[in-house]
Amino acid sequence: MNILLSCTNAMNKWLSLDLARIPSLDGKRIGIQPIKTDGETMSWQCHVISNVGTRGPYTVIAVEERSRYAIILPFEMVPTKETFQSIFWKEWNEQMIHLMLESEAISEHEASSVVKQMLNTPAEFIWYKNTDLSVNGHVSDTEQWVRQNLNEYGLAQYDQEEAFALGLYINKQKKKKSSLKGKFFPVSKMLDDALFHFAKGLADCPYPTALDGNFPNPYFDERKIKQSTKSNVVQLSDYRENQSNT
């Protein structure tokens, strides 16, 4: 799996990196190229803010292109590039397992199989200095949530559990993507991807577009997936609505 990190100037400077720009075929929009998630590459727009003053502690905000799913990562100190990659990959995996269990897409005894599949999935990070403006709007929205929440509770920094709780709340709010009709939940779309990549053979019911107990490929011509087709997106949405009514 490729993980593309599109980093703002602030993120690039914070990590003391000299990242390349995303190539522009027409020579236009250099530094503000659109990023794209597909079945092989997960693309994230990344930014960092200093919570108090200019010397930290810090909060990294990463928003995934397709789902608008946000991951909030607290840092006391500036990590190395390799350390950041390790922390990001670990947190992402742990959050995906949480979503799978919360949605009841997998059972607790199946979680070990998911962990094994994650460990056996090579993650190749691709770094660029770039700001996808369409995704960055969601980064800015998340930054406002972070700053307001820190101020409301008089905090200088989150611990990881608090950061995850805030991120989960944000990710369960409906979003709208200009290229798609209607609204959607970031958790639903991110769960779709995670089940497709890391829960092979664990689907408890057959899907028209998947074989051998696998979850469907969410990147298989999404425009042709009809509302009548049963999918894990619908299941998670129904689950969330049922939870809110209990």
C-alpha atoms as a PDB file:
ATOM      1  CA  MET A   1       0.000   0.000   0.000  1.00  0.00           C
ATOM      2  CA  ASN A   2       1.242   3.464  -0.903  1.00  0.00           C
ATOM      3  CA  ILE A   3       0.610   6.258   1.584  1.00  0.00           C
ATOM      4  CA  LEU A   4       0.940   9.683   0.023  1.00  0.00           C
ATOM      5  CA  LEU A   5       1.485  12.518   2.488  1.00  0.00           C
ATOM      6  CA  SER A   6       0.807  15.932   0.987  1.00  0.00           C
ATOM      7  CA  CYS A   7       2.444  18.302   3.456  1.00  0.00           C
ATOM      8  CA  THR A   8       1.801  22.004   3.923  1.00  0.00           C
ATOM      9  CA  ASN A   9       4.722  24.406   4.139  1.00  0.00           C
ATOM     10  CA  ALA A  10       4.316  24.390   7.925  1.00  0.00           C
ATOM     11  CA  MET A  11       4.567  20.584   8.077  1.00  0.00           C
ATOM     12  CA  ASN A  12       7.581  20.562   5.751  1.00  0.00           C
ATOM     13  CA  LYS A  13       9.373  23.176   7.877  1.00  0.00           C
ATOM     14  CA  TRP A  14       8.414  21.527  11.183  1.00  0.00           C
ATOM     15  CA  LEU A  15      10.063  18.244  10.182  1.00  0.00           C
ATOM     16  CA  SER A  16      13.031  20.085   8.625  1.00  0.00           C
ATOM     17  CA  LEU A  17      12.416  18.401   5.288  1.00  0.00           C
ATOM     18  CA  ASP A  18      13.162  19.512   1.757  1.00  0.00           C
ATOM     19  CA  LEU A  19      10.316  17.773  -0.001  1.00  0.00           C
ATOM     20  CA  ALA A  20       9.738  17.750  -3.740  1.00  0.00           C
ATOM     21  CA  ARG A  21       6.613  19.180  -5.322  1.00  0.00           C
ATOM     22  CA  ILE A  22       4.054  16.976  -7.042  1.00  0.00           C
ATOM     23  CA  PRO A  23       4.908  17.081 -10.759  1.00  0.00           C
ATOM     24  CA  SER A  24       2.618  19.287 -12.859  1.00  0.00           C
ATOM     25  CA  LEU A  25       2.176  18.144 -16.450  1.00  0.00           C
ATOM     26  CA  ASP A  26       0.909  21.511 -17.637  1.00  0.00           C
ATOM     27  CA  GLY A  27       3.140  23.601 -15.389  1.00  0.00           C
ATOM     28  CA  LYS A  28       0.134  25.005 -13.544  1.00  0.00           C
ATOM     29  CA  ARG A  29      -0.983  24.803  -9.898  1.00  0.00           C
ATOM     30  CA  ILE A  30       2.537  23.947  -8.753  1.00  0.00           C
ATOM     31  CA  GLY A  31       2.387  23.244  -5.033  1.00  0.00           C
ATOM     32  CA  ILE A  32      -1.406  23.024  -4.976  1.00  0.00           C
ATOM     33  CA  GLN A  33      -1.972  19.866  -7.011  1.00  0.00           C
ATOM     34  CA  PRO A  34      -5.040  17.730  -6.244  1.00  0.00           C
ATOM     35  CA  ILE A  35      -4.326  14.432  -4.506  1.00  0.00           C
ATOM     36  CA  LYS A  36      -6.249  11.212  -5.093  1.00  0.00           C
ATOM     37  CA  THR A  37      -6.987   8.047  -3.151  1.00  0.00           C
ATOM     38  CA  ASP A  38      -7.562   4.797  -5.030  1.00  0.00           C
ATOM     39  CA  GLY A  39      -7.291   1.077  -4.384  1.00  0.00           C
ATOM     40  CA  GLU A  40      -3.485   1.186  -4.144  1.00  0.00           C
ATOM     41  CA  THR A  41      -2.726   4.644  -2.748  1.00  0.00           C
ATOM     42  CA  MET A  42      -4.155   6.379   0.301  1.00  0.00           C
ATOM     43  CA  SER A  43      -3.612  10.145   0.056  1.00  0.00           C
ATOM     44  CA  TRP A  44      -3.574  12.496   3.048  1.00  0.00           C
ATOM     45  CA  GLN A  45      -3.299  16.258   3.389  1.00  0.00           C
ATOM     46  CA  CYS A  46      -1.115  16.961   6.434  1.00  0.00           C
ATOM     47  CA  HIS A  47      -0.629  20.078   8.521  1.00  0.00           C
ATOM     48  CA  VAL A  48       0.865  20.901  11.926  1.00  0.00           C
ATOM     49  CA  ILE A  49      -0.071  23.576  14.440  1.00  0.00           C
ATOM     50  CA  SER A  50       1.628  24.754  17.599  1.00  0.00           C
ATOM     51  CA  ASN A  51      -0.842  24.651  20.460  1.00  0.00           C
ATOM     52  CA  VAL A  52       0.850  27.255  22.660  1.00  0.00           C
ATOM     53  CA  GLY A  53       3.287  29.831  21.322  1.00  0.00           C
ATOM     54  CA  THR A  54       5.709  28.667  18.635  1.00  0.00           C
ATOM     55  CA  ARG A  55       7.648  25.912  20.402  1.00  0.00           C
ATOM     56  CA  GLY A  56       4.982  23.342  21.004  1.00  0.00           C
ATOM     57  CA  PRO A  57       3.395  21.187  22.102  1.00  0.00           C
ATOM     58  CA  TYR A  58       2.159  20.391  18.608  1.00  0.00           C
ATOM     59  CA  THR A  59      -0.825  18.816  16.894  1.00  0.00           C
ATOM     60  CA  VAL A  60      -0.649  17.192  13.484  1.00  0.00           C
ATOM     61  CA  ILE A  61      -3.862  17.038  11.463  1.00  0.00           C
ATOM     62  CA  ALA A  62      -4.094  14.601   8.553  1.00  0.00           C
ATOM     63  CA  VAL A  63      -7.230  14.437   6.390  1.00  0.00           C
ATOM     64  CA  GLU A  64      -7.720  11.649   3.849  1.00  0.00           C
ATOM     65  CA  GLU A  65      -8.798  12.736   0.368  1.00  0.00           C
ATOM     66  CA  ARG A  66     -11.658  10.340  -0.409  1.00  0.00           C
ATOM     67  CA  SER A  67     -13.350  10.029   2.971  1.00  0.00           C
ATOM     68  CA  ARG A  68     -12.389  13.374   4.558  1.00  0.00           C
ATOM     69  CA  TYR A  69     -11.480  11.263   7.587  1.00  0.00           C
ATOM     70  CA  ALA A  70      -9.281  13.214  10.034  1.00  0.00           C
ATOM     71  CA  ILE A  71      -6.535  11.831  12.251  1.00  0.00           C
ATOM     72  CA  ILE A  72      -5.328  14.073  15.087  1.00  0.00           C
ATOM     73  CA  LEU A  73      -1.843  13.332  16.432  1.00  0.00           C
ATOM     74  CA  PRO A  74      -0.376  15.107  19.492  1.00  0.00           C
ATOM     75  CA  PHE A  75       3.396  15.613  19.750  1.00  0.00           C
ATOM     76  CA  GLU A  76       5.428  17.062  22.600  1.00  0.00           C
ATOM     77  CA  MET A  77       8.554  17.263  20.444  1.00  0.00           C
ATOM     78  CA  VAL A  78       9.386  17.253  16.755  1.00  0.00           C
ATOM     79  CA  PRO A  79       9.786  13.634  15.570  1.00  0.00           C
ATOM     80  CA  THR A  80      12.045  12.317  12.864  1.00  0.00           C
ATOM     81  CA  LYS A  81      10.472  11.513   9.525  1.00  0.00           C
ATOM     82  CA  GLU A  82      10.744   7.776  10.232  1.00  0.00           C
ATOM     83  CA  THR A  83       9.235   8.143  13.709  1.00  0.00           C
ATOM     84  CA  PHE A  84       6.316  10.114  12.322  1.00  0.00           C
ATOM     85  CA  GLN A  85       5.646   7.428   9.721  1.00  0.00           C
ATOM     86  CA  SER A  86       5.634   4.732  12.400  1.00  0.00           C
ATOM     87  CA  ILE A  87       3.307   6.697  14.710  1.00  0.00           C
ATOM     88  CA  PHE A  88       0.946   7.601  11.872  1.00  0.00           C
ATOM     89  CA  TRP A  89       0.713   4.021  10.545  1.00  0.00           C
ATOM     90  CA  LYS A  90       0.171   2.577  14.039  1.00  0.00           C
ATOM     91  CA  GLU A  91      -2.538   5.099  14.949  1.00  0.00           C
ATOM     92  CA  TRP A  92      -4.336   4.654  11.646  1.00  0.00           C
ATOM     93  CA  ASN A  93      -4.380   0.870  12.067  1.00  0.00           C
ATOM     94  CA  GLU A  94      -5.642   1.074  15.636  1.00  0.00           C
ATOM     95  CA  GLN A  95      -8.425   3.450  14.638  1.00  0.00           C
ATOM     96  CA  MET A  96      -9.483   1.162  11.805  1.00  0.00           C
ATOM     97  CA  ILE A  97      -9.757  -1.803  14.171  1.00  0.00           C
ATOM     98  CA  HIS A  98     -11.878   0.351  16.483  1.00  0.00           C
ATOM     99  CA  LEU A  99     -14.212   1.266  13.601  1.00  0.00           C
ATOM    100  CA  MET A 100     -14.520  -2.357  12.500  1.00  0.00           C
ATOM    101  CA  LEU A 101     -15.471  -3.479  16.001  1.00  0.00           C
ATOM    102  CA  GLU A 102     -17.763  -0.517  16.691  1.00  0.00           C
ATOM    103  CA  SER A 103     -19.685  -1.113  13.466  1.00  0.00           C
ATOM    104  CA  GLU A 104     -19.797  -4.875  14.193  1.00  0.00           C
ATOM    105  CA  ALA A 105     -18.278  -5.527  10.766  1.00  0.00           C
ATOM    106  CA  ILE A 106     -15.928  -7.938  12.555  1.00  0.00           C
ATOM    107  CA  SER A 107     -16.139  -9.729  15.894  1.00  0.00           C
ATOM    108  CA  GLU A 108     -13.589  -9.438  18.687  1.00  0.00           C
ATOM    109  CA  HIS A 109     -12.092 -12.851  17.957  1.00  0.00           C
ATOM    110  CA  GLU A 110     -11.534 -11.763  14.331  1.00  0.00           C
ATOM    111  CA  ALA A 111      -9.518  -8.704  15.353  1.00  0.00           C
ATOM    112  CA  SER A 112      -6.310 -10.755  15.582  1.00  0.00           C
ATOM    113  CA  SER A 113      -6.722 -11.728  11.932  1.00  0.00           C
ATOM    114  CA  VAL A 114      -7.087  -8.048  11.011  1.00  0.00           C
ATOM    115  CA  VAL A 115      -3.937  -7.184  12.963  1.00  0.00           C
ATOM    116  CA  LYS A 116      -2.043  -9.949  11.159  1.00  0.00           C
ATOM    117  CA  GLN A 117      -3.213  -8.653   7.774  1.00  0.00           C
ATOM    118  CA  MET A 118      -2.118  -5.143   8.740  1.00  0.00           C
ATOM    119  CA  LEU A 119       1.314  -6.355   9.838  1.00  0.00           C
ATOM    120  CA  ASN A 120       1.713  -8.202   6.546  1.00  0.00           C
ATOM    121  CA  THR A 121       0.788  -5.133   4.496  1.00  0.00           C
ATOM    122  CA  PRO A 122       3.905  -3.206   3.448  1.00  0.00           C
ATOM    123  CA  ALA A 123       3.385   0.543   3.773  1.00  0.00           C
ATOM    124  CA  GLU A 124       5.440   2.707   1.432  1.00  0.00           C
ATOM    125  CA  PHE A 125       5.298   6.385   2.305  1.00  0.00           C
ATOM    126  CA  ILE A 126       5.487   9.007  -0.438  1.00  0.00           C
ATOM    127  CA  TRP A 127       6.117  12.556   0.742  1.00  0.00           C
ATOM    128  CA  TYR A 128       5.443  15.815  -1.111  1.00  0.00           C
ATOM    129  CA  LYS A 129       5.293  19.486  -0.232  1.00  0.00           C
ATOM    130  CA  ASN A 130       1.833  20.280  -1.531  1.00  0.00           C
ATOM    131  CA  THR A 131      -1.521  21.643  -0.452  1.00  0.00           C
ATOM    132  CA  ASP A 132      -4.670  20.255  -2.038  1.00  0.00           C
ATOM    133  CA  LEU A 133      -6.965  23.201  -1.417  1.00  0.00           C
ATOM    134  CA  SER A 134     -10.176  21.137  -1.499  1.00  0.00           C
ATOM    135  CA  VAL A 135      -8.930  18.817   1.234  1.00  0.00           C
ATOM    136  CA  ASN A 136      -7.169  21.585   3.139  1.00  0.00           C
ATOM    137  CA  GLY A 137     -10.518  23.210   3.864  1.00  0.00           C
ATOM    138  CA  HIS A 138     -11.340  20.181   6.010  1.00  0.00           C
ATOM    139  CA  VAL A 139      -7.911  20.428   7.643  1.00  0.00           C
ATOM    140  CA  SER A 140      -8.718  24.033   8.595  1.00  0.00           C
ATOM    141  CA  ASP A 141     -12.110  22.983   9.976  1.00  0.00           C
ATOM    142  CA  THR A 142     -10.412  20.335  12.115  1.00  0.00           C
ATOM    143  CA  GLU A 143      -7.853  22.882  13.309  1.00  0.00           C
ATOM    144  CA  GLN A 144     -10.695  25.089  14.544  1.00  0.00           C
ATOM    145  CA  TRP A 145     -12.160  22.138  16.443  1.00  0.00           C
ATOM    146  CA  VAL A 146      -8.761  21.430  18.010  1.00  0.00           C
ATOM    147  CA  ARG A 147      -8.091  25.018  19.082  1.00  0.00           C
ATOM    148  CA  GLN A 148     -11.608  25.593  20.420  1.00  0.00           C
ATOM    149  CA  ASN A 149     -11.540  22.320  22.332  1.00  0.00           C
ATOM    150  CA  LEU A 150      -8.133  23.020  23.873  1.00  0.00           C
ATOM    151  CA  ASN A 151      -9.263  26.488  24.900  1.00  0.00           C
ATOM    152  CA  GLU A 152     -12.606  25.288  26.280  1.00  0.00           C
ATOM    153  CA  TYR A 153     -10.979  22.725  28.559  1.00  0.00           C
ATOM    154  CA  GLY A 154      -7.890  24.788  29.383  1.00  0.00           C
ATOM    155  CA  LEU A 155      -5.504  22.257  27.879  1.00  0.00           C
ATOM    156  CA  ALA A 156      -2.061  22.808  26.401  1.00  0.00           C
ATOM    157  CA  GLN A 157      -2.082  19.397  24.737  1.00  0.00           C
ATOM    158  CA  TYR A 158      -4.163  16.278  24.254  1.00  0.00           C
ATOM    159  CA  ASP A 159      -3.137  12.799  25.169  1.00  0.00           C
ATOM    160  CA  GLN A 160      -3.670  10.242  22.413  1.00  0.00           C
ATOM    161  CA  GLU A 161      -6.993   9.017  23.817  1.00  0.00           C
ATOM    162  CA  GLU A 162      -8.385  12.565  23.925  1.00  0.00           C
ATOM    163  CA  ALA A 163      -7.152  13.248  20.399  1.00  0.00           C
ATOM    164  CA  PHE A 164      -8.829  10.095  19.121  1.00  0.00           C
ATOM    165  CA  ALA A 165     -12.106  10.942  20.892  1.00  0.00           C
ATOM    166  CA  LEU A 166     -12.207  14.398  19.310  1.00  0.00           C
ATOM    167  CA  GLY A 167     -11.287  12.992  15.907  1.00  0.00           C
ATOM    168  CA  LEU A 168     -13.992  10.331  16.134  1.00  0.00           C
ATOM    169  CA  TYR A 169     -16.587  12.970  16.982  1.00  0.00           C
ATOM    170  CA  ILE A 170     -15.516  15.053  13.960  1.00  0.00           C
ATOM    171  CA  ASN A 171     -15.450  12.007  11.683  1.00  0.00           C
ATOM    172  CA  LYS A 172     -19.032  11.111  12.589  1.00  0.00           C
ATOM    173  CA  GLN A 173     -20.316  14.443  11.293  1.00  0.00           C
ATOM    174  CA  LYS A 174     -21.762  14.480   7.794  1.00  0.00           C
ATOM    175  CA  LYS A 175     -19.495  15.878   5.070  1.00  0.00           C
ATOM    176  CA  LYS A 176     -20.065  16.974   1.516  1.00  0.00           C
ATOM    177  CA  LYS A 177     -17.619  16.505  -1.348  1.00  0.00           C
ATOM    178  CA  SER A 178     -18.120  18.766  -4.345  1.00  0.00           C
ATOM    179  CA  SER A 179     -17.641  15.938  -6.855  1.00  0.00           C
ATOM    180  CA  LEU A 180     -20.284  13.747  -5.186  1.00  0.00           C
ATOM    181  CA  LYS A 181     -23.998  14.198  -4.698  1.00  0.00           C
ATOM    182  CA  GLY A 182     -25.396  14.266  -1.195  1.00  0.00           C
ATOM    183  CA  LYS A 183     -23.548  13.962   2.092  1.00  0.00           C
ATOM    184  CA  PHE A 184     -21.681  11.129   3.762  1.00  0.00           C
ATOM    185  CA  PHE A 185     -20.000  10.134   7.002  1.00  0.00           C
ATOM    186  CA  PRO A 186     -16.168  10.043   6.909  1.00  0.00           C
ATOM    187  CA  VAL A 187     -16.198   6.987   9.201  1.00  0.00           C
ATOM    188  CA  SER A 188     -18.282   5.074   6.667  1.00  0.00           C
ATOM    189  CA  LYS A 189     -15.976   5.681   3.733  1.00  0.00           C
ATOM    190  CA  MET A 190     -12.831   5.052   5.761  1.00  0.00           C
ATOM    191  CA  LEU A 191     -14.312   1.833   7.146  1.00  0.00           C
ATOM    192  CA  ASP A 192     -15.032   0.698   3.596  1.00  0.00           C
ATOM    193  CA  ASP A 193     -11.364   1.061   2.693  1.00  0.00           C
ATOM    194  CA  ALA A 194     -10.106  -0.626   5.858  1.00  0.00           C
ATOM    195  CA  LEU A 195     -12.366  -3.656   5.459  1.00  0.00           C
ATOM    196  CA  PHE A 196     -11.350  -4.052   1.824  1.00  0.00           C
ATOM    197  CA  HIS A 197      -7.626  -3.912   2.607  1.00  0.00           C
ATOM    198  CA  PHE A 198      -7.330  -5.546   6.042  1.00  0.00           C
ATOM    199  CA  ALA A 199     -10.343  -7.834   6.621  1.00  0.00           C
ATOM    200  CA  LYS A 200     -10.077 -10.228   3.714  1.00  0.00           C
ATOM    201  CA  GLY A 201     -12.119 -13.377   4.190  1.00  0.00           C
ATOM    202  CA  LEU A 202     -14.001 -11.995   7.205  1.00  0.00           C
ATOM    203  CA  ALA A 203     -17.235 -10.760   5.622  1.00  0.00           C
ATOM    204  CA  ASP A 204     -20.220 -12.456   7.274  1.00  0.00           C
ATOM    205  CA  CYS A 205     -22.414 -12.185   4.189  1.00  0.00           C
ATOM    206  CA  PRO A 206     -21.797 -12.349   0.428  1.00  0.00           C
ATOM    207  CA  TYR A 207     -21.462  -9.166  -1.606  1.00  0.00           C
ATOM    208  CA  PRO A 208     -22.326  -8.955  -5.322  1.00  0.00           C
ATOM    209  CA  THR A 209     -18.933  -7.401  -6.193  1.00  0.00           C
ATOM    210  CA  ALA A 210     -16.719  -9.489  -3.883  1.00  0.00           C
ATOM    211  CA  LEU A 211     -15.726 -13.148  -3.705  1.00  0.00           C
ATOM    212  CA  ASP A 212     -14.475 -15.620  -1.093  1.00  0.00           C
ATOM    213  CA  GLY A 213     -15.889 -13.844   1.944  1.00  0.00           C
ATOM    214  CA  ASN A 214     -14.172 -10.547   1.164  1.00  0.00           C
ATOM    215  CA  PHE A 215     -15.593  -7.075   1.585  1.00  0.00           C
ATOM    216  CA  PRO A 216     -16.257  -5.170  -1.659  1.00  0.00           C
ATOM    217  CA  ASN A 217     -13.733  -2.929  -3.338  1.00  0.00           C
ATOM    218  CA  PRO A 218     -14.986   0.630  -2.666  1.00  0.00           C
ATOM    219  CA  TYR A 219     -13.035   1.904  -5.659  1.00  0.00           C
ATOM    220  CA  PHE A 220     -14.858  -0.285  -8.173  1.00  0.00           C
ATOM    221  CA  ASP A 221     -16.647   2.409 -10.186  1.00  0.00           C
ATOM    222  CA  GLU A 222     -18.433   4.022  -7.251  1.00  0.00           C
ATOM    223  CA  ARG A 223     -20.809   5.852  -9.600  1.00  0.00           C
ATOM    224  CA  LYS A 224     -22.474   2.558 -10.534  1.00  0.00           C
ATOM    225  CA  ILE A 225     -23.110   1.335  -7.000  1.00  0.00           C
ATOM    226  CA  LYS A 226     -26.847   1.620  -6.473  1.00  0.00           C
ATOM    227  CA  GLN A 227     -28.590   2.404  -3.212  1.00  0.00           C
ATOM    228  CA  SER A 228     -30.296  -0.970  -3.358  1.00  0.00           C
ATOM    229  CA  THR A 229     -26.952  -2.785  -3.185  1.00  0.00           C
ATOM    230  CA  LYS A 230     -26.230  -3.912   0.350  1.00  0.00           C
ATOM    231  CA  SER A 231     -22.835  -2.650   1.478  1.00  0.00           C
ATOM    232  CA  ASN A 232     -20.923  -1.987   4.671  1.00  0.00           C
ATOM    233  CA  VAL A 233     -21.387   1.763   4.113  1.00  0.00           C
ATOM    234  CA  VAL A 234     -25.119   1.382   4.630  1.00  0.00           C
ATOM    235  CA  GLN A 235     -24.555  -0.917   7.598  1.00  0.00           C
ATOM    236  CA  LEU A 236     -22.365   1.602   9.404  1.00  0.00           C
ATOM    237  CA  SER A 237     -24.739   4.475   8.699  1.00  0.00           C
ATOM    238  CA  ASP A 238     -27.642   2.416  10.053  1.00  0.00           C
ATOM    239  CA  TYR A 239     -25.561   1.408  13.069  1.00  0.00           C
ATOM    240  CA  ARG A 240     -24.690   5.014  13.877  1.00  0.00           C
ATOM    241  CA  GLU A 241     -28.310   6.155  13.563  1.00  0.00           C
ATOM    242  CA  ASN A 242     -29.458   3.315  15.805  1.00  0.00           C
ATOM    243  CA  GLN A 243     -26.839   4.234  18.408  1.00  0.00           C
ATOM    244  CA  SER A 244     -27.990   7.852  18.457  1.00  0.00           C
ATOM    245  CA  ASN A 245     -31.545   6.719  19.175  1.00  0.00           C
ATOM    246  CA  THR A 246     -30.626   4.522  22.135  1.00  0.00           C
END
